[in-house]
Amino acid sequence: MSDERFIKKPNLPENDVTLCVCSDSDTARLLASCGITVLQTKPTPYT
């Protein structure tokens, strides 16, 4: 038997968020002000 688990609430974390990947600098600044470590990336041209 595998150790697979289903997500109870898709797209919502079950625990505190401590790390995030983000391409928008305003959003990154807001997340950082909440104590979240932000890995900032360049926006994708495919949106």
C-alpha atoms as a PDB file:
ATOM      1  CA  MET A   1       0.000   0.000   0.000  1.00  0.00           C
ATOM      2  CA  SER A   2       1.308   3.468  -0.854  1.00  0.00           C
ATOM      3  CA  ASP A   3       1.601   6.543   1.361  1.00  0.00           C
ATOM      4  CA  GLU A   4      -0.503   8.726  -0.952  1.00  0.00           C
ATOM      5  CA  ARG A   5      -2.797  11.330   0.582  1.00  0.00           C
ATOM      6  CA  PHE A   6      -5.467  13.477  -0.996  1.00  0.00           C
ATOM      7  CA  ILE A   7      -5.536  17.225  -0.480  1.00  0.00           C
ATOM      8  CA  LYS A   8      -8.521  18.279   1.626  1.00  0.00           C
ATOM      9  CA  LYS A   9      -8.709  21.801   0.179  1.00  0.00           C
ATOM     10  CA  PRO A  10      -7.096  22.061  -3.286  1.00  0.00           C
ATOM     11  CA  ASN A  11      -4.864  25.108  -3.803  1.00  0.00           C
ATOM     12  CA  LEU A  12      -4.953  26.024  -0.096  1.00  0.00           C
ATOM     13  CA  PRO A  13      -2.112  25.077   2.245  1.00  0.00           C
ATOM     14  CA  GLU A  14      -2.951  22.921   5.245  1.00  0.00           C
ATOM     15  CA  ASN A  15      -0.097  24.401   7.335  1.00  0.00           C
ATOM     16  CA  ASP A  16       1.566  27.794   7.704  1.00  0.00           C
ATOM     17  CA  VAL A  17       3.250  29.032   4.530  1.00  0.00           C
ATOM     18  CA  THR A  18       6.979  29.677   4.953  1.00  0.00           C
ATOM     19  CA  LEU A  19       8.226  29.665   1.344  1.00  0.00           C
ATOM     20  CA  CYS A  20       6.715  30.913  -1.913  1.00  0.00           C
ATOM     21  CA  VAL A  21       7.799  31.290  -5.548  1.00  0.00           C
ATOM     22  CA  CYS A  22       6.544  34.523  -7.069  1.00  0.00           C
ATOM     23  CA  SER A  23       7.214  36.624 -10.180  1.00  0.00           C
ATOM     24  CA  ASP A  24       5.357  39.809  -9.202  1.00  0.00           C
ATOM     25  CA  SER A  25       7.495  42.178  -7.123  1.00  0.00           C
ATOM     26  CA  ASP A  26       4.541  43.820  -5.325  1.00  0.00           C
ATOM     27  CA  THR A  27       3.180  40.429  -4.271  1.00  0.00           C
ATOM     28  CA  ALA A  28       6.671  39.286  -3.274  1.00  0.00           C
ATOM     29  CA  ARG A  29       7.067  42.371  -1.057  1.00  0.00           C
ATOM     30  CA  LEU A  30       3.695  41.718   0.598  1.00  0.00           C
ATOM     31  CA  LEU A  31       4.514  38.061   1.247  1.00  0.00           C
ATOM     32  CA  ALA A  32       7.934  38.977   2.650  1.00  0.00           C
ATOM     33  CA  SER A  33       6.298  41.484   5.013  1.00  0.00           C
ATOM     34  CA  CYS A  34       4.253  38.555   6.376  1.00  0.00           C
ATOM     35  CA  GLY A  35       7.450  36.647   7.196  1.00  0.00           C
ATOM     36  CA  ILE A  36       7.307  34.375   4.143  1.00  0.00           C
ATOM     37  CA  THR A  37      10.545  33.623   2.311  1.00  0.00           C
ATOM     38  CA  VAL A  38      10.096  34.515  -1.368  1.00  0.00           C
ATOM     39  CA  LEU A  39      11.992  33.012  -4.282  1.00  0.00           C
ATOM     40  CA  GLN A  40      11.471  35.615  -6.967  1.00  0.00           C
ATOM     41  CA  THR A  41      11.410  34.517 -10.611  1.00  0.00           C
ATOM     42  CA  LYS A  42      10.935  36.208 -13.953  1.00  0.00           C
ATOM     43  CA  PRO A  43       7.380  36.204 -15.366  1.00  0.00           C
ATOM     44  CA  THR A  44       6.651  33.550 -17.954  1.00  0.00           C
ATOM     45  CA  PRO A  45       5.874  34.746 -21.483  1.00  0.00           C
ATOM     46  CA  TYR A  46       3.138  32.076 -21.769  1.00  0.00           C
ATOM     47  CA  THR A  47       0.443  33.796 -19.711  1.00  0.00           C
END
